[in-house]
Amino acid sequence: MGISVGWVWLLLPVCQALVVPREVSGRVGETLSIRCWYPRGYEGYNKYWCRGASWDSCRKVVETEGSEAPWQHGRVSIQDNHVFCVVLLTMKGISESDAGSYWCGIERMGRDLMEPVTVKVVPG
């Protein structure tokens, strides 16, 4: 029995586009985790999270430097999983000042690959 052409898309790798939730929320004091899935082929590229209203004005919060080693800057950490093509951003002890626009980005020639995420923080 063969595979129906209509179902072939299920066999393709999940890593086909930069995918992030449009909005995430957490309560003051909690730890917030955000996942960003990226296309296969970008495993060795530098991934980062930046903060700002637009892609061209955001400032990097934390970045991977192209490896799977976790990186931390203050309360914020990032880790890249090359097997599952996913970057994990973790913010510990969030406060209302952490609310705003963030971007998951991949450094590459030309314009970086980027997608926005809105972080909302609810009072404890």
PDB file of N, CA and C in Angstrom:
ATOM      1  N   MET A   1       0.848  -1.180   0.000  1.00  0.00           N
ATOM      2  CA  MET A   1       0.000   0.000   0.000  1.00  0.00           C
ATOM      3  C   MET A   1       0.888   1.236   0.000  1.00  0.00           C
ATOM      4  N   GLY A   2       0.684   2.173  -0.899  1.00  0.00           N
ATOM      5  CA  GLY A   2       1.491   3.389  -1.025  1.00  0.00           C
ATOM      6  C   GLY A   2       0.963   4.504  -0.144  1.00  0.00           C
ATOM      7  N   ILE A   3       1.731   5.568  -0.109  1.00  0.00           N
ATOM      8  CA  ILE A   3       1.336   6.747   0.667  1.00  0.00           C
ATOM      9  C   ILE A   3       0.554   7.681  -0.247  1.00  0.00           C
ATOM     10  N   SER A   4      -0.582   8.119   0.216  1.00  0.00           N
ATOM     11  CA  SER A   4      -1.401   9.059  -0.541  1.00  0.00           C
ATOM     12  C   SER A   4      -0.674  10.397  -0.651  1.00  0.00           C
ATOM     13  N   VAL A   5      -0.672  10.997  -1.821  1.00  0.00           N
ATOM     14  CA  VAL A   5      -0.003  12.274  -2.042  1.00  0.00           C
ATOM     15  C   VAL A   5      -0.540  13.342  -1.101  1.00  0.00           C
ATOM     16  N   GLY A   6      -1.801  13.285  -0.761  1.00  0.00           N
ATOM     17  CA  GLY A   6      -2.402  14.252   0.145  1.00  0.00           C
ATOM     18  C   GLY A   6      -1.808  14.228   1.544  1.00  0.00           C
ATOM     19  N   TRP A   7      -1.181  13.138   1.932  1.00  0.00           N
ATOM     20  CA  TRP A   7      -0.612  12.996   3.272  1.00  0.00           C
ATOM     21  C   TRP A   7       0.896  13.162   3.298  1.00  0.00           C
ATOM     22  N   VAL A   8       1.539  13.351   2.163  1.00  0.00           N
ATOM     23  CA  VAL A   8       2.994  13.450   2.109  1.00  0.00           C
ATOM     24  C   VAL A   8       3.510  14.614   2.945  1.00  0.00           C
ATOM     25  N   TRP A   9       2.762  15.723   3.016  1.00  0.00           N
ATOM     26  CA  TRP A   9       3.207  16.885   3.783  1.00  0.00           C
ATOM     27  C   TRP A   9       3.456  16.546   5.245  1.00  0.00           C
ATOM     28  N   LEU A  10       2.790  15.517   5.766  1.00  0.00           N
ATOM     29  CA  LEU A  10       2.995  15.109   7.158  1.00  0.00           C
ATOM     30  C   LEU A  10       4.386  14.541   7.389  1.00  0.00           C
ATOM     31  N   LEU A  11       5.025  14.049   6.331  1.00  0.00           N
ATOM     32  CA  LEU A  11       6.338  13.444   6.455  1.00  0.00           C
ATOM     33  C   LEU A  11       7.473  14.460   6.339  1.00  0.00           C
ATOM     34  N   LEU A  12       7.164  15.680   5.912  1.00  0.00           N
ATOM     35  CA  LEU A  12       8.190  16.705   5.769  1.00  0.00           C
ATOM     36  C   LEU A  12       8.648  17.168   7.141  1.00  0.00           C
ATOM     37  N   PRO A  13       9.909  17.619   7.256  1.00  0.00           N
ATOM     38  CA  PRO A  13      10.392  18.110   8.547  1.00  0.00           C
ATOM     39  C   PRO A  13       9.565  19.297   9.021  1.00  0.00           C
ATOM     40  N   VAL A  14       9.432  19.408  10.344  1.00  0.00           N
ATOM     41  CA  VAL A  14       8.670  20.492  10.938  1.00  0.00           C
ATOM     42  C   VAL A  14       9.376  21.828  10.705  1.00  0.00           C
ATOM     43  N   CYS A  15      10.692  21.795  10.580  1.00  0.00           N
ATOM     44  CA  CYS A  15      11.507  23.009  10.489  1.00  0.00           C
ATOM     45  C   CYS A  15      11.430  23.634   9.102  1.00  0.00           C
ATOM     46  N   GLN A  16      10.308  24.185   8.704  1.00  0.00           N
ATOM     47  CA  GLN A  16      10.169  24.763   7.375  1.00  0.00           C
ATOM     48  C   GLN A  16      10.017  26.280   7.390  1.00  0.00           C
ATOM     49  N   ALA A  17       9.754  26.893   8.551  1.00  0.00           N
ATOM     50  CA  ALA A  17       9.569  28.340   8.618  1.00  0.00           C
ATOM     51  C   ALA A  17       9.916  28.825  10.018  1.00  0.00           C
ATOM     52  N   LEU A  18      10.219  30.121  10.143  1.00  0.00           N
ATOM     53  CA  LEU A  18      10.449  30.707  11.456  1.00  0.00           C
ATOM     54  C   LEU A  18       9.080  30.889  12.101  1.00  0.00           C
ATOM     55  N   VAL A  19       8.844  30.176  13.208  1.00  0.00           N
ATOM     56  CA  VAL A  19       7.517  30.162  13.827  1.00  0.00           C
ATOM     57  C   VAL A  19       7.637  30.485  15.308  1.00  0.00           C
ATOM     58  N   VAL A  20       6.883  31.494  15.737  1.00  0.00           N
ATOM     59  CA  VAL A  20       6.820  31.883  17.142  1.00  0.00           C
ATOM     60  C   VAL A  20       5.366  32.166  17.498  1.00  0.00           C
ATOM     61  N   PRO A  21       5.020  32.079  18.776  1.00  0.00           N
ATOM     62  CA  PRO A  21       3.665  32.504  19.144  1.00  0.00           C
ATOM     63  C   PRO A  21       3.569  34.015  18.955  1.00  0.00           C
ATOM     64  N   ARG A  22       2.445  34.517  18.547  1.00  0.00           N
ATOM     65  CA  ARG A  22       2.274  35.964  18.353  1.00  0.00           C
ATOM     66  C   ARG A  22       2.262  36.705  19.682  1.00  0.00           C
ATOM     67  N   GLU A  23       1.768  36.016  20.734  1.00  0.00           N
ATOM     68  CA  GLU A  23       1.668  36.646  22.043  1.00  0.00           C
ATOM     69  C   GLU A  23       1.855  35.607  23.137  1.00  0.00           C
ATOM     70  N   VAL A  24       2.599  35.976  24.181  1.00  0.00           N
ATOM     71  CA  VAL A  24       2.756  35.127  25.363  1.00  0.00           C
ATOM     72  C   VAL A  24       2.530  36.006  26.588  1.00  0.00           C
ATOM     73  N   SER A  25       2.088  35.377  27.671  1.00  0.00           N
ATOM     74  CA  SER A  25       1.868  36.165  28.881  1.00  0.00           C
ATOM     75  C   SER A  25       2.247  35.362  30.116  1.00  0.00           C
ATOM     76  N   GLY A  26       2.558  36.083  31.165  1.00  0.00           N
ATOM     77  CA  GLY A  26       2.900  35.472  32.439  1.00  0.00           C
ATOM     78  C   GLY A  26       2.627  36.447  33.555  1.00  0.00           C
ATOM     79  N   ARG A  27       2.661  35.940  34.778  1.00  0.00           N
ATOM     80  CA  ARG A  27       2.418  36.786  35.949  1.00  0.00           C
ATOM     81  C   ARG A  27       3.746  37.308  36.499  1.00  0.00           C
ATOM     82  N   VAL A  28       3.679  38.467  37.125  1.00  0.00           N
ATOM     83  CA  VAL A  28       4.852  39.053  37.761  1.00  0.00           C
ATOM     84  C   VAL A  28       5.505  38.020  38.672  1.00  0.00           C
ATOM     85  N   GLY A  29       6.817  37.899  38.561  1.00  0.00           N
ATOM     86  CA  GLY A  29       7.577  36.970  39.398  1.00  0.00           C
ATOM     87  C   GLY A  29       7.771  35.588  38.801  1.00  0.00           C
ATOM     88  N   GLU A  30       6.967  35.226  37.802  1.00  0.00           N
ATOM     89  CA  GLU A  30       7.079  33.903  37.185  1.00  0.00           C
ATOM     90  C   GLU A  30       8.234  33.846  36.192  1.00  0.00           C
ATOM     91  N   THR A  31       8.516  32.630  35.730  1.00  0.00           N
ATOM     92  CA  THR A  31       9.467  32.421  34.648  1.00  0.00           C
ATOM     93  C   THR A  31       8.676  32.251  33.365  1.00  0.00           C
ATOM     94  N   LEU A  32       9.071  32.972  32.333  1.00  0.00           N
ATOM     95  CA  LEU A  32       8.388  32.929  31.045  1.00  0.00           C
ATOM     96  C   LEU A  32       9.309  32.268  30.026  1.00  0.00           C
ATOM     97  N   SER A  33       8.785  31.298  29.292  1.00  0.00           N
ATOM     98  CA  SER A  33       9.563  30.620  28.252  1.00  0.00           C
ATOM     99  C   SER A  33       8.880  30.808  26.905  1.00  0.00           C
ATOM    100  N   ILE A  34       9.682  31.121  25.892  1.00  0.00           N
ATOM    101  CA  ILE A  34       9.175  31.328  24.537  1.00  0.00           C
ATOM    102  C   ILE A  34       9.996  30.461  23.588  1.00  0.00           C
ATOM    103  N   ARG A  35       9.323  29.727  22.716  1.00  0.00           N
ATOM    104  CA  ARG A  35      10.004  28.884  21.733  1.00  0.00           C
ATOM    105  C   ARG A  35       9.889  29.497  20.346  1.00  0.00           C
ATOM    106  N   CYS A  36      10.976  29.379  19.604  1.00  0.00           N
ATOM    107  CA  CYS A  36      11.045  29.892  18.239  1.00  0.00           C
ATOM    108  C   CYS A  36      11.605  28.785  17.349  1.00  0.00           C
ATOM    109  N   TRP A  37      10.765  28.260  16.458  1.00  0.00           N
ATOM    110  CA  TRP A  37      11.190  27.193  15.549  1.00  0.00           C
ATOM    111  C   TRP A  37      11.729  27.828  14.275  1.00  0.00           C
ATOM    112  N   TYR A  38      12.838  27.295  13.771  1.00  0.00           N
ATOM    113  CA  TYR A  38      13.468  27.864  12.583  1.00  0.00           C
ATOM    114  C   TYR A  38      13.659  26.813  11.493  1.00  0.00           C
ATOM    115  N   PRO A  39      13.911  27.273  10.253  1.00  0.00           N
ATOM    116  CA  PRO A  39      14.045  26.339   9.125  1.00  0.00           C
ATOM    117  C   PRO A  39      15.306  25.482   9.222  1.00  0.00           C
ATOM    118  N   ARG A  40      15.188  24.247   8.792  1.00  0.00           N
ATOM    119  CA  ARG A  40      16.344  23.361   8.693  1.00  0.00           C
ATOM    120  C   ARG A  40      17.374  24.036   7.785  1.00  0.00           C
ATOM    121  N   GLY A  41      18.644  23.899   8.135  1.00  0.00           N
ATOM    122  CA  GLY A  41      19.708  24.536   7.380  1.00  0.00           C
ATOM    123  C   GLY A  41      20.312  25.719   8.122  1.00  0.00           C
ATOM    124  N   TYR A  42      19.624  26.208   9.155  1.00  0.00           N
ATOM    125  CA  TYR A  42      20.125  27.342   9.937  1.00  0.00           C
ATOM    126  C   TYR A  42      20.705  26.914  11.287  1.00  0.00           C
ATOM    127  N   GLU A  43      20.959  25.639  11.448  1.00  0.00           N
ATOM    128  CA  GLU A  43      21.414  25.130  12.745  1.00  0.00           C
ATOM    129  C   GLU A  43      22.655  25.852  13.273  1.00  0.00           C
ATOM    130  N   GLY A  44      23.654  26.107  12.443  1.00  0.00           N
ATOM    131  CA  GLY A  44      24.902  26.714  12.889  1.00  0.00           C
ATOM    132  C   GLY A  44      24.906  28.236  12.899  1.00  0.00           C
ATOM    133  N   TYR A  45      23.783  28.842  12.547  1.00  0.00           N
ATOM    134  CA  TYR A  45      23.706  30.301  12.509  1.00  0.00           C
ATOM    135  C   TYR A  45      23.485  30.876  13.906  1.00  0.00           C
ATOM    136  N   ASN A  46      23.863  32.136  14.081  1.00  0.00           N
ATOM    137  CA  ASN A  46      23.632  32.840  15.333  1.00  0.00           C
ATOM    138  C   ASN A  46      22.150  33.178  15.467  1.00  0.00           C
ATOM    139  N   LYS A  47      21.538  32.752  16.564  1.00  0.00           N
ATOM    140  CA  LYS A  47      20.136  33.095  16.854  1.00  0.00           C
ATOM    141  C   LYS A  47      20.124  34.099  18.000  1.00  0.00           C
ATOM    142  N   TYR A  48      19.098  34.940  18.023  1.00  0.00           N
ATOM    143  CA  TYR A  48      19.023  35.936  19.085  1.00  0.00           C
ATOM    144  C   TYR A  48      17.579  36.339  19.362  1.00  0.00           C
ATOM    145  N   TRP A  49      17.402  36.985  20.513  1.00  0.00           N
ATOM    146  CA  TRP A  49      16.154  37.645  20.872  1.00  0.00           C
ATOM    147  C   TRP A  49      16.489  39.102  21.041  1.00  0.00           C
ATOM    148  N   CYS A  50      15.690  39.950  20.436  1.00  0.00           N
ATOM    149  CA  CYS A  50      15.897  41.373  20.613  1.00  0.00           C
ATOM    150  C   CYS A  50      14.572  42.011  21.000  1.00  0.00           C
ATOM    151  N   ARG A  51      14.678  43.224  21.518  1.00  0.00           N
ATOM    152  CA  ARG A  51      13.486  43.922  22.007  1.00  0.00           C
ATOM    153  C   ARG A  51      13.353  45.260  21.299  1.00  0.00           C
ATOM    154  N   GLY A  52      12.145  45.546  20.831  1.00  0.00           N
ATOM    155  CA  GLY A  52      11.886  46.807  20.163  1.00  0.00           C
ATOM    156  C   GLY A  52      10.615  46.736  19.351  1.00  0.00           C
ATOM    157  N   ALA A  53      10.092  47.894  19.006  1.00  0.00           N
ATOM    158  CA  ALA A  53       8.814  47.964  18.290  1.00  0.00           C
ATOM    159  C   ALA A  53       8.906  47.458  16.857  1.00  0.00           C
ATOM    160  N   SER A  54      10.091  47.573  16.237  1.00  0.00           N
ATOM    161  CA  SER A  54      10.230  47.108  14.855  1.00  0.00           C
ATOM    162  C   SER A  54      11.530  46.333  14.682  1.00  0.00           C
ATOM    163  N   TRP A  55      11.602  45.550  13.611  1.00  0.00           N
ATOM    164  CA  TRP A  55      12.767  44.690  13.388  1.00  0.00           C
ATOM    165  C   TRP A  55      14.045  45.493  13.197  1.00  0.00           C
ATOM    166  N   ASP A  56      13.938  46.697  12.650  1.00  0.00           N
ATOM    167  CA  ASP A  56      15.154  47.461  12.368  1.00  0.00           C
ATOM    168  C   ASP A  56      15.614  48.336  13.536  1.00  0.00           C
ATOM    169  N   SER A  57      14.843  48.366  14.618  1.00  0.00           N
ATOM    170  CA  SER A  57      15.234  49.184  15.768  1.00  0.00           C
ATOM    171  C   SER A  57      15.366  48.367  17.052  1.00  0.00           C
ATOM    172  N   CYS A  58      15.253  47.046  16.954  1.00  0.00           N
ATOM    173  CA  CYS A  58      15.316  46.263  18.186  1.00  0.00           C
ATOM    174  C   CYS A  58      16.765  46.083  18.645  1.00  0.00           C
ATOM    175  N   ARG A  59      16.926  45.943  19.952  1.00  0.00           N
ATOM    176  CA  ARG A  59      18.248  45.754  20.549  1.00  0.00           C
ATOM    177  C   ARG A  59      18.346  44.344  21.108  1.00  0.00           C
ATOM    178  N   LYS A  60      19.454  43.667  20.799  1.00  0.00           N
ATOM    179  CA  LYS A  60      19.639  42.284  21.244  1.00  0.00           C
ATOM    180  C   LYS A  60      19.631  42.197  22.764  1.00  0.00           C
ATOM    181  N   VAL A  61      18.874  41.188  23.235  1.00  0.00           N
ATOM    182  CA  VAL A  61      18.794  40.912  24.668  1.00  0.00           C
ATOM    183  C   VAL A  61      19.776  39.788  25.008  1.00  0.00           C
ATOM    184  N   VAL A  62      19.788  38.760  24.144  1.00  0.00           N
ATOM    185  CA  VAL A  62      20.662  37.610  24.346  1.00  0.00           C
ATOM    186  C   VAL A  62      20.821  36.894  23.007  1.00  0.00           C
ATOM    187  N   GLU A  63      21.970  36.216  22.797  1.00  0.00           N
ATOM    188  CA  GLU A  63      22.192  35.510  21.531  1.00  0.00           C
ATOM    189  C   GLU A  63      22.993  34.235  21.742  1.00  0.00           C
ATOM    190  N   THR A  64      22.923  33.331  20.758  1.00  0.00           N
ATOM    191  CA  THR A  64      23.529  32.002  20.885  1.00  0.00           C
ATOM    192  C   THR A  64      24.963  31.905  20.403  1.00  0.00           C
ATOM    193  N   GLU A  65      25.397  32.781  19.541  1.00  0.00           N
ATOM    194  CA  GLU A  65      26.712  32.718  18.907  1.00  0.00           C
ATOM    195  C   GLU A  65      26.879  31.436  18.088  1.00  0.00           C
ATOM    196  N   GLY A  66      25.773  30.909  17.551  1.00  0.00           N
ATOM    197  CA  GLY A  66      25.810  29.777  16.632  1.00  0.00           C
ATOM    198  C   GLY A  66      25.949  28.396  17.238  1.00  0.00           C
ATOM    199  N   SER A  67      26.060  28.298  18.546  1.00  0.00           N
ATOM    200  CA  SER A  67      26.230  26.978  19.166  1.00  0.00           C
ATOM    201  C   SER A  67      24.988  26.570  19.946  1.00  0.00           C
ATOM    202  N   GLU A  68      25.000  25.320  20.420  1.00  0.00           N
ATOM    203  CA  GLU A  68      23.888  24.828  21.244  1.00  0.00           C
ATOM    204  C   GLU A  68      24.090  25.147  22.717  1.00  0.00           C
ATOM    205  N   ALA A  69      25.247  25.673  23.079  1.00  0.00           N
ATOM    206  CA  ALA A  69      25.523  25.999  24.478  1.00  0.00           C
ATOM    207  C   ALA A  69      24.556  27.080  24.963  1.00  0.00           C
ATOM    208  N   PRO A  70      23.993  26.902  26.152  1.00  0.00           N
ATOM    209  CA  PRO A  70      23.087  27.926  26.671  1.00  0.00           C
ATOM    210  C   PRO A  70      23.867  29.199  27.020  1.00  0.00           C
ATOM    211  N   TRP A  71      23.249  30.348  26.763  1.00  0.00           N
ATOM    212  CA  TRP A  71      23.839  31.645  27.087  1.00  0.00           C
ATOM    213  C   TRP A  71      22.888  32.378  28.000  1.00  0.00           C
ATOM    214  N   GLN A  72      23.460  33.103  28.968  1.00  0.00           N
ATOM    215  CA  GLN A  72      22.622  33.841  29.905  1.00  0.00           C
ATOM    216  C   GLN A  72      23.133  35.260  30.037  1.00  0.00           C
ATOM    217  N   HIS A  73      22.192  36.203  30.115  1.00  0.00           N
ATOM    218  CA  HIS A  73      22.508  37.602  30.369  1.00  0.00           C
ATOM    219  C   HIS A  73      21.519  38.074  31.417  1.00  0.00           C
ATOM    220  N   GLY A  74      21.980  38.175  32.640  1.00  0.00           N
ATOM    221  CA  GLY A  74      21.090  38.552  33.741  1.00  0.00           C
ATOM    222  C   GLY A  74      20.010  37.504  33.949  1.00  0.00           C
ATOM    223  N   ARG A  75      18.757  37.923  33.907  1.00  0.00           N
ATOM    224  CA  ARG A  75      17.619  37.019  34.125  1.00  0.00           C
ATOM    225  C   ARG A  75      17.181  36.307  32.857  1.00  0.00           C
ATOM    226  N   VAL A  76      17.821  36.617  31.726  1.00  0.00           N
ATOM    227  CA  VAL A  76      17.395  36.089  30.430  1.00  0.00           C
ATOM    228  C   VAL A  76      18.410  35.087  29.902  1.00  0.00           C
ATOM    229  N   SER A  77      17.920  33.941  29.432  1.00  0.00           N
ATOM    230  CA  SER A  77      18.815  32.941  28.841  1.00  0.00           C
ATOM    231  C   SER A  77      18.243  32.469  27.506  1.00  0.00           C
ATOM    232  N   ILE A  78      19.130  31.905  26.690  1.00  0.00           N
ATOM    233  CA  ILE A  78      18.750  31.400  25.376  1.00  0.00           C
ATOM    234  C   ILE A  78      19.481  30.082  25.151  1.00  0.00           C
ATOM    235  N   GLN A  79      18.791  29.154  24.509  1.00  0.00           N
ATOM    236  CA  GLN A  79      19.422  27.887  24.138  1.00  0.00           C
ATOM    237  C   GLN A  79      18.869  27.431  22.798  1.00  0.00           C
ATOM    238  N   ASP A  80      19.774  26.955  21.942  1.00  0.00           N
ATOM    239  CA  ASP A  80      19.426  26.499  20.600  1.00  0.00           C
ATOM    240  C   ASP A  80      19.520  24.982  20.561  1.00  0.00           C
ATOM    241  N   ASN A  81      18.482  24.328  20.074  1.00  0.00           N
ATOM    242  CA  ASN A  81      18.490  22.881  19.893  1.00  0.00           C
ATOM    243  C   ASN A  81      18.531  22.605  18.395  1.00  0.00           C
ATOM    244  N   HIS A  82      19.694  22.181  17.894  1.00  0.00           N
ATOM    245  CA  HIS A  82      19.878  21.945  16.464  1.00  0.00           C
ATOM    246  C   HIS A  82      19.092  20.747  15.950  1.00  0.00           C
ATOM    247  N   VAL A  83      18.834  19.764  16.799  1.00  0.00           N
ATOM    248  CA  VAL A  83      18.095  18.568  16.368  1.00  0.00           C
ATOM    249  C   VAL A  83      16.646  18.925  16.043  1.00  0.00           C
ATOM    250  N   PHE A  84      16.006  19.716  16.907  1.00  0.00           N
ATOM    251  CA  PHE A  84      14.596  20.067  16.729  1.00  0.00           C
ATOM    252  C   PHE A  84      14.395  21.452  16.109  1.00  0.00           C
ATOM    253  N   CYS A  85      15.502  22.130  15.753  1.00  0.00           N
ATOM    254  CA  CYS A  85      15.426  23.461  15.126  1.00  0.00           C
ATOM    255  C   CYS A  85      14.564  24.414  15.946  1.00  0.00           C
ATOM    256  N   VAL A  86      14.885  24.533  17.222  1.00  0.00           N
ATOM    257  CA  VAL A  86      14.113  25.414  18.099  1.00  0.00           C
ATOM    258  C   VAL A  86      15.047  26.171  19.037  1.00  0.00           C
ATOM    259  N   VAL A  87      14.746  27.446  19.216  1.00  0.00           N
ATOM    260  CA  VAL A  87      15.470  28.298  20.153  1.00  0.00           C
ATOM    261  C   VAL A  87      14.532  28.555  21.327  1.00  0.00           C
ATOM    262  N   LEU A  88      15.057  28.421  22.540  1.00  0.00           N
ATOM    263  CA  LEU A  88      14.260  28.643  23.745  1.00  0.00           C
ATOM    264  C   LEU A  88      14.783  29.877  24.462  1.00  0.00           C
ATOM    265  N   LEU A  89      13.896  30.846  24.676  1.00  0.00           N
ATOM    266  CA  LEU A  89      14.205  32.037  25.462  1.00  0.00           C
ATOM    267  C   LEU A  89      13.531  31.873  26.808  1.00  0.00           C
ATOM    268  N   THR A  90      14.257  32.118  27.881  1.00  0.00           N
ATOM    269  CA  THR A  90      13.698  32.025  29.230  1.00  0.00           C
ATOM    270  C   THR A  90      13.972  33.333  29.970  1.00  0.00           C
ATOM    271  N   MET A  91      12.921  33.924  30.540  1.00  0.00           N
ATOM    272  CA  MET A  91      13.056  35.124  31.367  1.00  0.00           C
ATOM    273  C   MET A  91      12.594  34.764  32.774  1.00  0.00           C
ATOM    274  N   LYS A  92      13.502  34.868  33.737  1.00  0.00           N
ATOM    275  CA  LYS A  92      13.171  34.550  35.128  1.00  0.00           C
ATOM    276  C   LYS A  92      12.693  35.792  35.862  1.00  0.00           C
ATOM    277  N   GLY A  93      11.763  35.583  36.785  1.00  0.00           N
ATOM    278  CA  GLY A  93      11.286  36.670  37.638  1.00  0.00           C
ATOM    279  C   GLY A  93      10.802  37.870  36.852  1.00  0.00           C
ATOM    280  N   ILE A  94       9.872  37.628  35.926  1.00  0.00           N
ATOM    281  CA  ILE A  94       9.417  38.720  35.054  1.00  0.00           C
ATOM    282  C   ILE A  94       8.721  39.820  35.846  1.00  0.00           C
ATOM    283  N   SER A  95       8.839  41.028  35.308  1.00  0.00           N
ATOM    284  CA  SER A  95       8.175  42.187  35.915  1.00  0.00           C
ATOM    285  C   SER A  95       7.397  42.907  34.821  1.00  0.00           C
ATOM    286  N   GLU A  96       6.593  43.861  35.215  1.00  0.00           N
ATOM    287  CA  GLU A  96       5.788  44.595  34.239  1.00  0.00           C
ATOM    288  C   GLU A  96       6.665  45.319  33.216  1.00  0.00           C
ATOM    289  N   SER A  97       7.892  45.652  33.599  1.00  0.00           N
ATOM    290  CA  SER A  97       8.798  46.332  32.666  1.00  0.00           C
ATOM    291  C   SER A  97       9.304  45.396  31.555  1.00  0.00           C
ATOM    292  N   ASP A  98       9.099  44.087  31.708  1.00  0.00           N
ATOM    293  CA  ASP A  98       9.496  43.119  30.666  1.00  0.00           C
ATOM    294  C   ASP A  98       8.461  43.031  29.545  1.00  0.00           C
ATOM    295  N   ALA A  99       7.282  43.604  29.756  1.00  0.00           N
ATOM    296  CA  ALA A  99       6.240  43.569  28.729  1.00  0.00           C
ATOM    297  C   ALA A  99       6.680  44.384  27.520  1.00  0.00           C
ATOM    298  N   GLY A 100       6.270  43.919  26.332  1.00  0.00           N
ATOM    299  CA  GLY A 100       6.592  44.670  25.122  1.00  0.00           C
ATOM    300  C   GLY A 100       6.810  43.769  23.929  1.00  0.00           C
ATOM    301  N   SER A 101       7.424  44.331  22.907  1.00  0.00           N
ATOM    302  CA  SER A 101       7.661  43.616  21.650  1.00  0.00           C
ATOM    303  C   SER A 101       9.072  43.033  21.622  1.00  0.00           C
ATOM    304  N   TYR A 102       9.143  41.753  21.295  1.00  0.00           N
ATOM    305  CA  TYR A 102      10.409  41.043  21.159  1.00  0.00           C
ATOM    306  C   TYR A 102      10.442  40.414  19.772  1.00  0.00           C
ATOM    307  N   TRP A 103      11.631  40.054  19.331  1.00  0.00           N
ATOM    308  CA  TRP A 103      11.810  39.427  18.025  1.00  0.00           C
ATOM    309  C   TRP A 103      12.740  38.241  18.155  1.00  0.00           C
ATOM    310  N   CYS A 104      12.356  37.124  17.562  1.00  0.00           N
ATOM    311  CA  CYS A 104      13.251  35.991  17.412  1.00  0.00           C
ATOM    312  C   CYS A 104      13.975  36.231  16.098  1.00  0.00           C
ATOM    313  N   GLY A 105      15.299  36.162  16.115  1.00  0.00           N
ATOM    314  CA  GLY A 105      16.043  36.447  14.903  1.00  0.00           C
ATOM    315  C   GLY A 105      17.144  35.447  14.611  1.00  0.00           C
ATOM    316  N   ILE A 106      17.455  35.321  13.326  1.00  0.00           N
ATOM    317  CA  ILE A 106      18.580  34.519  12.857  1.00  0.00           C
ATOM    318  C   ILE A 106      19.450  35.440  12.014  1.00  0.00           C
ATOM    319  N   GLU A 107      20.721  35.572  12.424  1.00  0.00           N
ATOM    320  CA  GLU A 107      21.658  36.400  11.677  1.00  0.00           C
ATOM    321  C   GLU A 107      22.025  35.706  10.380  1.00  0.00           C
ATOM    322  N   ARG A 108      21.930  36.435   9.270  1.00  0.00           N
ATOM    323  CA  ARG A 108      22.312  35.866   7.980  1.00  0.00           C
ATOM    324  C   ARG A 108      22.692  37.009   7.042  1.00  0.00           C
ATOM    325  N   MET A 109      23.252  36.669   5.898  1.00  0.00           N
ATOM    326  CA  MET A 109      23.616  37.686   4.913  1.00  0.00           C
ATOM    327  C   MET A 109      22.348  38.416   4.476  1.00  0.00           C
ATOM    328  N   GLY A 110      22.476  39.724   4.242  1.00  0.00           N
ATOM    329  CA  GLY A 110      21.288  40.501   3.900  1.00  0.00           C
ATOM    330  C   GLY A 110      20.474  40.763   5.156  1.00  0.00           C
ATOM    331  N   ARG A 111      19.178  40.802   5.007  1.00  0.00           N
ATOM    332  CA  ARG A 111      18.291  41.039   6.151  1.00  0.00           C
ATOM    333  C   ARG A 111      18.138  39.762   6.966  1.00  0.00           C
ATOM    334  N   ASP A 112      18.242  39.899   8.281  1.00  0.00           N
ATOM    335  CA  ASP A 112      18.065  38.753   9.171  1.00  0.00           C
ATOM    336  C   ASP A 112      16.655  38.196   9.046  1.00  0.00           C
ATOM    337  N   LEU A 113      16.528  36.908   9.338  1.00  0.00           N
ATOM    338  CA  LEU A 113      15.222  36.260   9.396  1.00  0.00           C
ATOM    339  C   LEU A 113      14.669  36.573  10.781  1.00  0.00           C
ATOM    340  N   MET A 114      13.480  37.226  10.868  1.00  0.00           N
ATOM    341  CA  MET A 114      12.944  37.663  12.155  1.00  0.00           C
ATOM    342  C   MET A 114      11.426  37.525  12.217  1.00  0.00           C
ATOM    343  N   GLU A 115      10.930  37.219  13.422  1.00  0.00           N
ATOM    344  CA  GLU A 115       9.490  37.166  13.671  1.00  0.00           C
ATOM    345  C   GLU A 115       9.204  37.786  15.036  1.00  0.00           C
ATOM    346  N   PRO A 116       8.107  38.559  15.144  1.00  0.00           N
ATOM    347  CA  PRO A 116       7.788  39.254  16.401  1.00  0.00           C
ATOM    348  C   PRO A 116       6.980  38.407  17.387  1.00  0.00           C
ATOM    349  N   VAL A 117       7.164  38.734  18.667  1.00  0.00           N
ATOM    350  CA  VAL A 117       6.401  38.143  19.764  1.00  0.00           C
ATOM    351  C   VAL A 117       6.051  39.263  20.731  1.00  0.00           C
ATOM    352  N   THR A 118       4.788  39.353  21.132  1.00  0.00           N
ATOM    353  CA  THR A 118       4.384  40.334  22.134  1.00  0.00           C
ATOM    354  C   THR A 118       4.337  39.653  23.492  1.00  0.00           C
ATOM    355  N   VAL A 119       5.032  40.241  24.458  1.00  0.00           N
ATOM    356  CA  VAL A 119       5.051  39.708  25.820  1.00  0.00           C
ATOM    357  C   VAL A 119       4.158  40.583  26.696  1.00  0.00           C
ATOM    358  N   LYS A 120       3.193  39.940  27.339  1.00  0.00           N
ATOM    359  CA  LYS A 120       2.306  40.637  28.279  1.00  0.00           C
ATOM    360  C   LYS A 120       2.578  40.109  29.676  1.00  0.00           C
ATOM    361  N   VAL A 121       2.622  41.015  30.644  1.00  0.00           N
ATOM    362  CA  VAL A 121       2.870  40.633  32.030  1.00  0.00           C
ATOM    363  C   VAL A 121       1.676  41.080  32.870  1.00  0.00           C
ATOM    364  N   VAL A 122       1.083  40.111  33.554  1.00  0.00           N
ATOM    365  CA  VAL A 122      -0.107  40.333  34.371  1.00  0.00           C
ATOM    366  C   VAL A 122       0.339  40.527  35.829  1.00  0.00           C
ATOM    367  N   PRO A 123      -0.207  41.537  36.529  1.00  0.00           N
ATOM    368  CA  PRO A 123       0.154  41.720  37.933  1.00  0.00           C
ATOM    369  C   PRO A 123      -0.076  40.450  38.742  1.00  0.00           C
ATOM    370  N   GLY A 124       0.812  40.213  39.720  1.00  0.00           N
ATOM    371  CA  GLY A 124       0.764  38.995  40.531  1.00  0.00           C
ATOM    372  C   GLY A 124      -0.500  38.857  41.295  1.00  0.00           C
TER     373      GLY A 124
END
